[in-house]
Amino acid sequence: MFDKLGGNIQKKKLEKALEMLRNEDPNELRKRLGQYDTNEILEKINEFDPNKLNQMGISLDEIKSKVTEKDFEKLIRVLGPDGAIIAQRLRSLLR
């Protein structure tokens, strides 16, 4: 039950992040995301594998259908070199 609840929270966070990425100005995003440490983000991504996401009720296929290459490109533009590392890690998780 806690996995499902945690999954719902993570899913909402992901949906909000995608919404922000798509709708907000890159400069504003840069200000907001500049306060996050890349290593922390990568560690958080590493916590999630397909099995854990499935237990949480999060479908990788659903996420794949929502995330576009354009989203990855904007992430890279906003975060610079760190964005490329994060985008690559996310791409490999979604494969």
PDB file of N, CA and C in Angstrom:
ATOM      1  N   MET A   1       0.821  -1.189   0.000  1.00  0.00           N
ATOM      2  CA  MET A   1       0.000   0.000   0.000  1.00  0.00           C
ATOM      3  C   MET A   1       0.869   1.260   0.000  1.00  0.00           C
ATOM      4  N   PHE A   2       1.938   1.253   0.811  1.00  0.00           N
ATOM      5  CA  PHE A   2       2.807   2.425   0.861  1.00  0.00           C
ATOM      6  C   PHE A   2       3.518   2.638  -0.471  1.00  0.00           C
ATOM      7  N   ASP A   3       3.867   1.539  -1.153  1.00  0.00           N
ATOM      8  CA  ASP A   3       4.495   1.667  -2.471  1.00  0.00           C
ATOM      9  C   ASP A   3       3.561   2.368  -3.443  1.00  0.00           C
ATOM     10  N   LYS A   4       2.297   1.987  -3.433  1.00  0.00           N
ATOM     11  CA  LYS A   4       1.315   2.608  -4.334  1.00  0.00           C
ATOM     12  C   LYS A   4       1.132   4.080  -3.999  1.00  0.00           C
ATOM     13  N   LEU A   5       1.046   4.408  -2.709  1.00  0.00           N
ATOM     14  CA  LEU A   5       0.895   5.795  -2.294  1.00  0.00           C
ATOM     15  C   LEU A   5       2.120   6.603  -2.716  1.00  0.00           C
ATOM     16  N   GLY A   6       3.300   6.047  -2.463  1.00  0.00           N
ATOM     17  CA  GLY A   6       4.528   6.715  -2.893  1.00  0.00           C
ATOM     18  C   GLY A   6       4.581   6.867  -4.400  1.00  0.00           C
ATOM     19  N   GLY A   7       4.091   5.857  -5.109  1.00  0.00           N
ATOM     20  CA  GLY A   7       4.057   5.916  -6.563  1.00  0.00           C
ATOM     21  C   GLY A   7       3.147   7.017  -7.060  1.00  0.00           C
ATOM     22  N   ASN A   8       2.004   7.185  -6.406  1.00  0.00           N
ATOM     23  CA  ASN A   8       1.083   8.264  -6.801  1.00  0.00           C
ATOM     24  C   ASN A   8       1.724   9.624  -6.591  1.00  0.00           C
ATOM     25  N   ILE A   9       2.439   9.770  -5.498  1.00  0.00           N
ATOM     26  CA  ILE A   9       3.124  11.035  -5.219  1.00  0.00           C
ATOM     27  C   ILE A   9       4.204  11.279  -6.268  1.00  0.00           C
ATOM     28  N   GLN A  10       5.016  10.259  -6.568  1.00  0.00           N
ATOM     29  CA  GLN A  10       6.078  10.403  -7.561  1.00  0.00           C
ATOM     30  C   GLN A  10       5.497  10.699  -8.944  1.00  0.00           C
ATOM     31  N   LYS A  11       4.394  10.040  -9.264  1.00  0.00           N
ATOM     32  CA  LYS A  11       3.751  10.260 -10.562  1.00  0.00           C
ATOM     33  C   LYS A  11       3.275  11.707 -10.686  1.00  0.00           C
ATOM     34  N   LYS A  12       2.680  12.244  -9.639  1.00  0.00           N
ATOM     35  CA  LYS A  12       2.230  13.643  -9.637  1.00  0.00           C
ATOM     36  C   LYS A  12       3.418  14.595  -9.786  1.00  0.00           C
ATOM     37  N   LYS A  13       4.515  14.270  -9.106  1.00  0.00           N
ATOM     38  CA  LYS A  13       5.718  15.097  -9.222  1.00  0.00           C
ATOM     39  C   LYS A  13       6.246  15.077 -10.656  1.00  0.00           C
ATOM     40  N   LEU A  14       6.249  13.911 -11.273  1.00  0.00           N
ATOM     41  CA  LEU A  14       6.709  13.783 -12.651  1.00  0.00           C
ATOM     42  C   LEU A  14       5.812  14.578 -13.592  1.00  0.00           C
ATOM     43  N   GLU A  15       4.506  14.457 -13.408  1.00  0.00           N
ATOM     44  CA  GLU A  15       3.574  15.205 -14.250  1.00  0.00           C
ATOM     45  C   GLU A  15       3.782  16.710 -14.097  1.00  0.00           C
ATOM     46  N   LYS A  16       3.997  17.164 -12.869  1.00  0.00           N
ATOM     47  CA  LYS A  16       4.243  18.588 -12.613  1.00  0.00           C
ATOM     48  C   LYS A  16       5.559  19.031 -13.250  1.00  0.00           C
ATOM     49  N   ALA A  17       6.589  18.201 -13.151  1.00  0.00           N
ATOM     50  CA  ALA A  17       7.881  18.541 -13.753  1.00  0.00           C
ATOM     51  C   ALA A  17       7.760  18.655 -15.274  1.00  0.00           C
ATOM     52  N   LEU A  18       7.037  17.733 -15.901  1.00  0.00           N
ATOM     53  CA  LEU A  18       6.844  17.799 -17.350  1.00  0.00           C
ATOM     54  C   LEU A  18       6.059  19.048 -17.743  1.00  0.00           C
ATOM     55  N   GLU A  19       5.041  19.372 -16.951  1.00  0.00           N
ATOM     56  CA  GLU A  19       4.249  20.563 -17.213  1.00  0.00           C
ATOM     57  C   GLU A  19       5.123  21.818 -17.141  1.00  0.00           C
ATOM     58  N   MET A  20       5.952  21.891 -16.097  1.00  0.00           N
ATOM     59  CA  MET A  20       6.851  23.037 -15.948  1.00  0.00           C
ATOM     60  C   MET A  20       7.841  23.103 -17.104  1.00  0.00           C
ATOM     61  N   LEU A  21       8.414  21.965 -17.468  1.00  0.00           N
ATOM     62  CA  LEU A  21       9.402  21.923 -18.543  1.00  0.00           C
ATOM     63  C   LEU A  21       8.797  22.425 -19.851  1.00  0.00           C
ATOM     64  N   ARG A  22       7.571  22.042 -20.102  1.00  0.00           N
ATOM     65  CA  ARG A  22       6.917  22.408 -21.360  1.00  0.00           C
ATOM     66  C   ARG A  22       6.395  23.829 -21.377  1.00  0.00           C
ATOM     67  N   ASN A  23       5.978  24.359 -20.232  1.00  0.00           N
ATOM     68  CA  ASN A  23       5.248  25.626 -20.232  1.00  0.00           C
ATOM     69  C   ASN A  23       6.021  26.828 -19.712  1.00  0.00           C
ATOM     70  N   GLU A  24       7.068  26.595 -18.957  1.00  0.00           N
ATOM     71  CA  GLU A  24       7.763  27.729 -18.364  1.00  0.00           C
ATOM     72  C   GLU A  24       8.937  28.187 -19.224  1.00  0.00           C
ATOM     73  N   ASP A  25       9.257  29.425 -19.048  1.00  0.00           N
ATOM     74  CA  ASP A  25      10.378  30.046 -19.740  1.00  0.00           C
ATOM     75  C   ASP A  25      11.690  29.375 -19.313  1.00  0.00           C
ATOM     76  N   PRO A  26      12.574  29.076 -20.269  1.00  0.00           N
ATOM     77  CA  PRO A  26      13.842  28.424 -19.917  1.00  0.00           C
ATOM     78  C   PRO A  26      14.653  29.170 -18.864  1.00  0.00           C
ATOM     79  N   ASN A  27      14.643  30.496 -18.909  1.00  0.00           N
ATOM     80  CA  ASN A  27      15.405  31.267 -17.916  1.00  0.00           C
ATOM     81  C   ASN A  27      14.835  31.088 -16.515  1.00  0.00           C
ATOM     82  N   GLU A  28      13.509  31.063 -16.418  1.00  0.00           N
ATOM     83  CA  GLU A  28      12.867  30.846 -15.121  1.00  0.00           C
ATOM     84  C   GLU A  28      13.177  29.444 -14.592  1.00  0.00           C
ATOM     85  N   LEU A  29      13.134  28.472 -15.493  1.00  0.00           N
ATOM     86  CA  LEU A  29      13.471  27.098 -15.102  1.00  0.00           C
ATOM     87  C   LEU A  29      14.913  26.998 -14.625  1.00  0.00           C
ATOM     88  N   ARG A  30      15.802  27.699 -15.327  1.00  0.00           N
ATOM     89  CA  ARG A  30      17.221  27.690 -14.960  1.00  0.00           C
ATOM     90  C   ARG A  30      17.398  28.202 -13.529  1.00  0.00           C
ATOM     91  N   LYS A  31      16.654  29.268 -13.185  1.00  0.00           N
ATOM     92  CA  LYS A  31      16.729  29.815 -11.830  1.00  0.00           C
ATOM     93  C   LYS A  31      16.241  28.789 -10.805  1.00  0.00           C
ATOM     94  N   ARG A  32      15.116  28.152 -11.102  1.00  0.00           N
ATOM     95  CA  ARG A  32      14.535  27.177 -10.169  1.00  0.00           C
ATOM     96  C   ARG A  32      15.414  25.940 -10.022  1.00  0.00           C
ATOM     97  N   LEU A  33      15.906  25.436 -11.138  1.00  0.00           N
ATOM     98  CA  LEU A  33      16.660  24.191 -11.115  1.00  0.00           C
ATOM     99  C   LEU A  33      18.125  24.384 -10.763  1.00  0.00           C
ATOM    100  N   GLY A  34      18.595  25.610 -10.852  1.00  0.00           N
ATOM    101  CA  GLY A  34      19.987  25.890 -10.536  1.00  0.00           C
ATOM    102  C   GLY A  34      20.343  25.591  -9.097  1.00  0.00           C
ATOM    103  N   GLN A  35      19.327  25.545  -8.234  1.00  0.00           N
ATOM    104  CA  GLN A  35      19.588  25.289  -6.819  1.00  0.00           C
ATOM    105  C   GLN A  35      19.716  23.801  -6.491  1.00  0.00           C
ATOM    106  N   TYR A  36      19.447  22.935  -7.474  1.00  0.00           N
ATOM    107  CA  TYR A  36      19.538  21.493  -7.254  1.00  0.00           C
ATOM    108  C   TYR A  36      20.908  20.979  -7.667  1.00  0.00           C
ATOM    109  N   ASP A  37      21.424  20.080  -6.870  1.00  0.00           N
ATOM    110  CA  ASP A  37      22.712  19.462  -7.145  1.00  0.00           C
ATOM    111  C   ASP A  37      22.513  18.306  -8.131  1.00  0.00           C
ATOM    112  N   THR A  38      23.277  18.283  -9.202  1.00  0.00           N
ATOM    113  CA  THR A  38      23.166  17.249 -10.227  1.00  0.00           C
ATOM    114  C   THR A  38      23.362  15.856  -9.642  1.00  0.00           C
ATOM    115  N   ASN A  39      24.315  15.722  -8.731  1.00  0.00           N
ATOM    116  CA  ASN A  39      24.559  14.410  -8.130  1.00  0.00           C
ATOM    117  C   ASN A  39      23.348  13.916  -7.340  1.00  0.00           C
ATOM    118  N   GLU A  40      22.661  14.830  -6.664  1.00  0.00           N
ATOM    119  CA  GLU A  40      21.454  14.445  -5.937  1.00  0.00           C
ATOM    120  C   GLU A  40      20.371  13.953  -6.894  1.00  0.00           C
ATOM    121  N   ILE A  41      20.226  14.653  -8.000  1.00  0.00           N
ATOM    122  CA  ILE A  41      19.228  14.264  -9.002  1.00  0.00           C
ATOM    123  C   ILE A  41      19.560  12.889  -9.559  1.00  0.00           C
ATOM    124  N   LEU A  42      20.827  12.672  -9.892  1.00  0.00           N
ATOM    125  CA  LEU A  42      21.240  11.380 -10.445  1.00  0.00           C
ATOM    126  C   LEU A  42      21.054  10.254  -9.423  1.00  0.00           C
ATOM    127  N   GLU A  43      21.338  10.535  -8.154  1.00  0.00           N
ATOM    128  CA  GLU A  43      21.129   9.529  -7.110  1.00  0.00           C
ATOM    129  C   GLU A  43      19.651   9.172  -7.005  1.00  0.00           C
ATOM    130  N   LYS A  44      18.791  10.180  -7.097  1.00  0.00           N
ATOM    131  CA  LYS A  44      17.352   9.945  -7.023  1.00  0.00           C
ATOM    132  C   LYS A  44      16.894   9.102  -8.214  1.00  0.00           C
ATOM    133  N   ILE A  45      17.402   9.390  -9.396  1.00  0.00           N
ATOM    134  CA  ILE A  45      17.050   8.611 -10.587  1.00  0.00           C
ATOM    135  C   ILE A  45      17.503   7.166 -10.409  1.00  0.00           C
ATOM    136  N   ASN A  46      18.691   6.987  -9.835  1.00  0.00           N
ATOM    137  CA  ASN A  46      19.235   5.637  -9.627  1.00  0.00           C
ATOM    138  C   ASN A  46      18.397   4.809  -8.658  1.00  0.00           C
ATOM    139  N   GLU A  47      17.636   5.470  -7.791  1.00  0.00           N
ATOM    140  CA  GLU A  47      16.796   4.754  -6.842  1.00  0.00           C
ATOM    141  C   GLU A  47      15.659   4.005  -7.541  1.00  0.00           C
ATOM    142  N   PHE A  48      15.324   4.441  -8.744  1.00  0.00           N
ATOM    143  CA  PHE A  48      14.183   3.876  -9.437  1.00  0.00           C
ATOM    144  C   PHE A  48      14.636   2.959 -10.564  1.00  0.00           C
ATOM    145  N   ASP A  49      14.207   1.721 -10.486  1.00  0.00           N
ATOM    146  CA  ASP A  49      14.417   0.783 -11.581  1.00  0.00           C
ATOM    147  C   ASP A  49      13.027   0.349 -12.047  1.00  0.00           C
ATOM    148  N   PRO A  50      12.951  -0.292 -13.213  1.00  0.00           N
ATOM    149  CA  PRO A  50      11.633  -0.677 -13.743  1.00  0.00           C
ATOM    150  C   PRO A  50      10.794  -1.505 -12.768  1.00  0.00           C
ATOM    151  N   ASN A  51      11.418  -2.406 -12.026  1.00  0.00           N
ATOM    152  CA  ASN A  51      10.663  -3.232 -11.073  1.00  0.00           C
ATOM    153  C   ASN A  51      10.079  -2.393  -9.937  1.00  0.00           C
ATOM    154  N   LYS A  52      10.887  -1.498  -9.405  1.00  0.00           N
ATOM    155  CA  LYS A  52      10.404  -0.662  -8.304  1.00  0.00           C
ATOM    156  C   LYS A  52       9.282   0.254  -8.788  1.00  0.00           C
ATOM    157  N   LEU A  53       9.452   0.815  -9.975  1.00  0.00           N
ATOM    158  CA  LEU A  53       8.405   1.678 -10.516  1.00  0.00           C
ATOM    159  C   LEU A  53       7.109   0.901 -10.723  1.00  0.00           C
ATOM    160  N   ASN A  54       7.238  -0.318 -11.204  1.00  0.00           N
ATOM    161  CA  ASN A  54       6.064  -1.161 -11.411  1.00  0.00           C
ATOM    162  C   ASN A  54       5.361  -1.448 -10.083  1.00  0.00           C
ATOM    163  N   GLN A  55       6.124  -1.743  -9.032  1.00  0.00           N
ATOM    164  CA  GLN A  55       5.544  -1.981  -7.708  1.00  0.00           C
ATOM    165  C   GLN A  55       4.818  -0.745  -7.188  1.00  0.00           C
ATOM    166  N   MET A  56       5.301   0.415  -7.599  1.00  0.00           N
ATOM    167  CA  MET A  56       4.690   1.666  -7.163  1.00  0.00           C
ATOM    168  C   MET A  56       3.475   2.032  -8.013  1.00  0.00           C
ATOM    169  N   GLY A  57       3.214   1.229  -9.040  1.00  0.00           N
ATOM    170  CA  GLY A  57       2.069   1.505  -9.910  1.00  0.00           C
ATOM    171  C   GLY A  57       2.357   2.536 -10.981  1.00  0.00           C
ATOM    172  N   ILE A  58       3.630   2.726 -11.278  1.00  0.00           N
ATOM    173  CA  ILE A  58       4.036   3.684 -12.308  1.00  0.00           C
ATOM    174  C   ILE A  58       4.439   2.908 -13.547  1.00  0.00           C
ATOM    175  N   SER A  59       3.791   3.215 -14.651  1.00  0.00           N
ATOM    176  CA  SER A  59       4.042   2.521 -15.907  1.00  0.00           C
ATOM    177  C   SER A  59       5.109   3.256 -16.717  1.00  0.00           C
ATOM    178  N   LEU A  60       6.204   2.563 -17.010  1.00  0.00           N
ATOM    179  CA  LEU A  60       7.246   3.163 -17.851  1.00  0.00           C
ATOM    180  C   LEU A  60       6.712   3.450 -19.247  1.00  0.00           C
ATOM    181  N   ASP A  61       5.830   2.585 -19.737  1.00  0.00           N
ATOM    182  CA  ASP A  61       5.246   2.815 -21.064  1.00  0.00           C
ATOM    183  C   ASP A  61       4.450   4.116 -21.091  1.00  0.00           C
ATOM    184  N   GLU A  62       3.732   4.383 -20.010  1.00  0.00           N
ATOM    185  CA  GLU A  62       2.964   5.627 -19.930  1.00  0.00           C
ATOM    186  C   GLU A  62       3.893   6.833 -19.917  1.00  0.00           C
ATOM    187  N   ILE A  63       4.973   6.726 -19.147  1.00  0.00           N
ATOM    188  CA  ILE A  63       5.939   7.834 -19.088  1.00  0.00           C
ATOM    189  C   ILE A  63       6.590   8.028 -20.458  1.00  0.00           C
ATOM    190  N   LYS A  64       6.981   6.921 -21.097  1.00  0.00           N
ATOM    191  CA  LYS A  64       7.589   7.003 -22.433  1.00  0.00           C
ATOM    192  C   LYS A  64       6.682   7.716 -23.407  1.00  0.00           C
ATOM    193  N   SER A  65       5.389   7.467 -23.299  1.00  0.00           N
ATOM    194  CA  SER A  65       4.442   8.076 -24.236  1.00  0.00           C
ATOM    195  C   SER A  65       4.279   9.572 -23.993  1.00  0.00           C
ATOM    196  N   LYS A  66       4.624  10.038 -22.796  1.00  0.00           N
ATOM    197  CA  LYS A  66       4.462  11.450 -22.460  1.00  0.00           C
ATOM    198  C   LYS A  66       5.718  12.279 -22.708  1.00  0.00           C
ATOM    199  N   VAL A  67       6.883  11.656 -22.579  1.00  0.00           N
ATOM    200  CA  VAL A  67       8.147  12.387 -22.701  1.00  0.00           C
ATOM    201  C   VAL A  67       8.615  12.342 -24.150  1.00  0.00           C
ATOM    202  N   THR A  68       8.891  13.519 -24.682  1.00  0.00           N
ATOM    203  CA  THR A  68       9.331  13.607 -26.077  1.00  0.00           C
ATOM    204  C   THR A  68      10.808  13.985 -26.147  1.00  0.00           C
ATOM    205  N   GLU A  69      11.364  13.823 -27.306  1.00  0.00           N
ATOM    206  CA  GLU A  69      12.751  14.229 -27.531  1.00  0.00           C
ATOM    207  C   GLU A  69      12.894  15.736 -27.315  1.00  0.00           C
ATOM    208  N   LYS A  70      11.859  16.466 -27.651  1.00  0.00           N
ATOM    209  CA  LYS A  70      11.860  17.912 -27.446  1.00  0.00           C
ATOM    210  C   LYS A  70      11.987  18.248 -25.948  1.00  0.00           C
ATOM    211  N   ASP A  71      11.358  17.429 -25.103  1.00  0.00           N
ATOM    212  CA  ASP A  71      11.481  17.625 -23.653  1.00  0.00           C
ATOM    213  C   ASP A  71      12.923  17.440 -23.204  1.00  0.00           C
ATOM    214  N   PHE A  72      13.569  16.393 -23.720  1.00  0.00           N
ATOM    215  CA  PHE A  72      14.970  16.159 -23.372  1.00  0.00           C
ATOM    216  C   PHE A  72      15.859  17.305 -23.851  1.00  0.00           C
ATOM    217  N   GLU A  73      15.586  17.803 -25.044  1.00  0.00           N
ATOM    218  CA  GLU A  73      16.381  18.914 -25.592  1.00  0.00           C
ATOM    219  C   GLU A  73      16.243  20.162 -24.729  1.00  0.00           C
ATOM    220  N   LYS A  74      15.022  20.451 -24.282  1.00  0.00           N
ATOM    221  CA  LYS A  74      14.826  21.627 -23.432  1.00  0.00           C
ATOM    222  C   LYS A  74      15.506  21.434 -22.085  1.00  0.00           C
ATOM    223  N   LEU A  75      15.441  20.232 -21.543  1.00  0.00           N
ATOM    224  CA  LEU A  75      16.126  19.934 -20.280  1.00  0.00           C
ATOM    225  C   LEU A  75      17.621  20.202 -20.413  1.00  0.00           C
ATOM    226  N   ILE A  76      18.190  19.772 -21.514  1.00  0.00           N
ATOM    227  CA  ILE A  76      19.620  19.996 -21.752  1.00  0.00           C
ATOM    228  C   ILE A  76      19.916  21.488 -21.885  1.00  0.00           C
ATOM    229  N   ARG A  77      19.065  22.223 -22.599  1.00  0.00           N
ATOM    230  CA  ARG A  77      19.261  23.675 -22.746  1.00  0.00           C
ATOM    231  C   ARG A  77      19.185  24.376 -21.392  1.00  0.00           C
ATOM    232  N   VAL A  78      18.248  23.946 -20.567  1.00  0.00           N
ATOM    233  CA  VAL A  78      18.048  24.592 -19.275  1.00  0.00           C
ATOM    234  C   VAL A  78      19.191  24.279 -18.307  1.00  0.00           C
ATOM    235  N   LEU A  79      19.629  23.025 -18.267  1.00  0.00           N
ATOM    236  CA  LEU A  79      20.641  22.611 -17.288  1.00  0.00           C
ATOM    237  C   LEU A  79      22.063  22.593 -17.828  1.00  0.00           C
ATOM    238  N   GLY A  80      22.229  22.792 -19.116  1.00  0.00           N
ATOM    239  CA  GLY A  80      23.565  22.789 -19.698  1.00  0.00           C
ATOM    240  C   GLY A  80      24.177  21.399 -19.678  1.00  0.00           C
ATOM    241  N   PRO A  81      25.492  21.308 -19.463  1.00  0.00           N
ATOM    242  CA  PRO A  81      26.171  20.002 -19.482  1.00  0.00           C
ATOM    243  C   PRO A  81      25.565  19.007 -18.495  1.00  0.00           C
ATOM    244  N   ASP A  82      25.129  19.501 -17.343  1.00  0.00           N
ATOM    245  CA  ASP A  82      24.490  18.614 -16.370  1.00  0.00           C
ATOM    246  C   ASP A  82      23.187  18.056 -16.926  1.00  0.00           C
ATOM    247  N   GLY A  83      22.503  18.854 -17.703  1.00  0.00           N
ATOM    248  CA  GLY A  83      21.246  18.409 -18.309  1.00  0.00           C
ATOM    249  C   GLY A  83      21.458  17.247 -19.251  1.00  0.00           C
ATOM    250  N   ALA A  84      22.574  17.259 -19.975  1.00  0.00           N
ATOM    251  CA  ALA A  84      22.874  16.164 -20.896  1.00  0.00           C
ATOM    252  C   ALA A  84      23.079  14.856 -20.132  1.00  0.00           C
ATOM    253  N   ILE A  85      23.729  14.943 -18.989  1.00  0.00           N
ATOM    254  CA  ILE A  85      23.961  13.751 -18.167  1.00  0.00           C
ATOM    255  C   ILE A  85      22.635  13.227 -17.615  1.00  0.00           C
ATOM    256  N   ILE A  86      21.824  14.137 -17.106  1.00  0.00           N
ATOM    257  CA  ILE A  86      20.530  13.746 -16.540  1.00  0.00           C
ATOM    258  C   ILE A  86      19.615  13.197 -17.631  1.00  0.00           C
ATOM    259  N   ALA A  87      19.589  13.849 -18.796  1.00  0.00           N
ATOM    260  CA  ALA A  87      18.758  13.375 -19.899  1.00  0.00           C
ATOM    261  C   ALA A  87      19.178  11.972 -20.335  1.00  0.00           C
ATOM    262  N   GLN A  88      20.465  11.731 -20.404  1.00  0.00           N
ATOM    263  CA  GLN A  88      20.955  10.410 -20.805  1.00  0.00           C
ATOM    264  C   GLN A  88      20.541   9.350 -19.794  1.00  0.00           C
ATOM    265  N   ARG A  89      20.637   9.673 -18.521  1.00  0.00           N
ATOM    266  CA  ARG A  89      20.250   8.720 -17.481  1.00  0.00           C
ATOM    267  C   ARG A  89      18.749   8.430 -17.561  1.00  0.00           C
ATOM    268  N   LEU A  90      17.948   9.465 -17.790  1.00  0.00           N
ATOM    269  CA  LEU A  90      16.505   9.262 -17.926  1.00  0.00           C
ATOM    270  C   LEU A  90      16.159   8.441 -19.158  1.00  0.00           C
ATOM    271  N   ARG A  91      16.849   8.736 -20.250  1.00  0.00           N
ATOM    272  CA  ARG A  91      16.628   7.949 -21.480  1.00  0.00           C
ATOM    273  C   ARG A  91      16.901   6.470 -21.238  1.00  0.00           C
ATOM    274  N   SER A  92      18.009   6.171 -20.555  1.00  0.00           N
ATOM    275  CA  SER A  92      18.345   4.757 -20.326  1.00  0.00           C
ATOM    276  C   SER A  92      17.335   4.115 -19.372  1.00  0.00           C
ATOM    277  N   LEU A  93      16.790   4.853 -18.429  1.00  0.00           N
ATOM    278  CA  LEU A  93      15.767   4.309 -17.551  1.00  0.00           C
ATOM    279  C   LEU A  93      14.486   3.988 -18.330  1.00  0.00           C
ATOM    280  N   LEU A  94      14.182   4.818 -19.294  1.00  0.00           N
ATOM    281  CA  LEU A  94      12.951   4.632 -20.064  1.00  0.00           C
ATOM    282  C   LEU A  94      13.076   3.578 -21.174  1.00  0.00           C
ATOM    283  N   ARG A  95      14.267   3.032 -21.367  1.00  0.00           N
ATOM    284  CA  ARG A  95      14.426   2.001 -22.402  1.00  0.00           C
ATOM    285  C   ARG A  95      14.010   0.669 -21.904  1.00  0.00           C
TER     286      ARG A  95
END
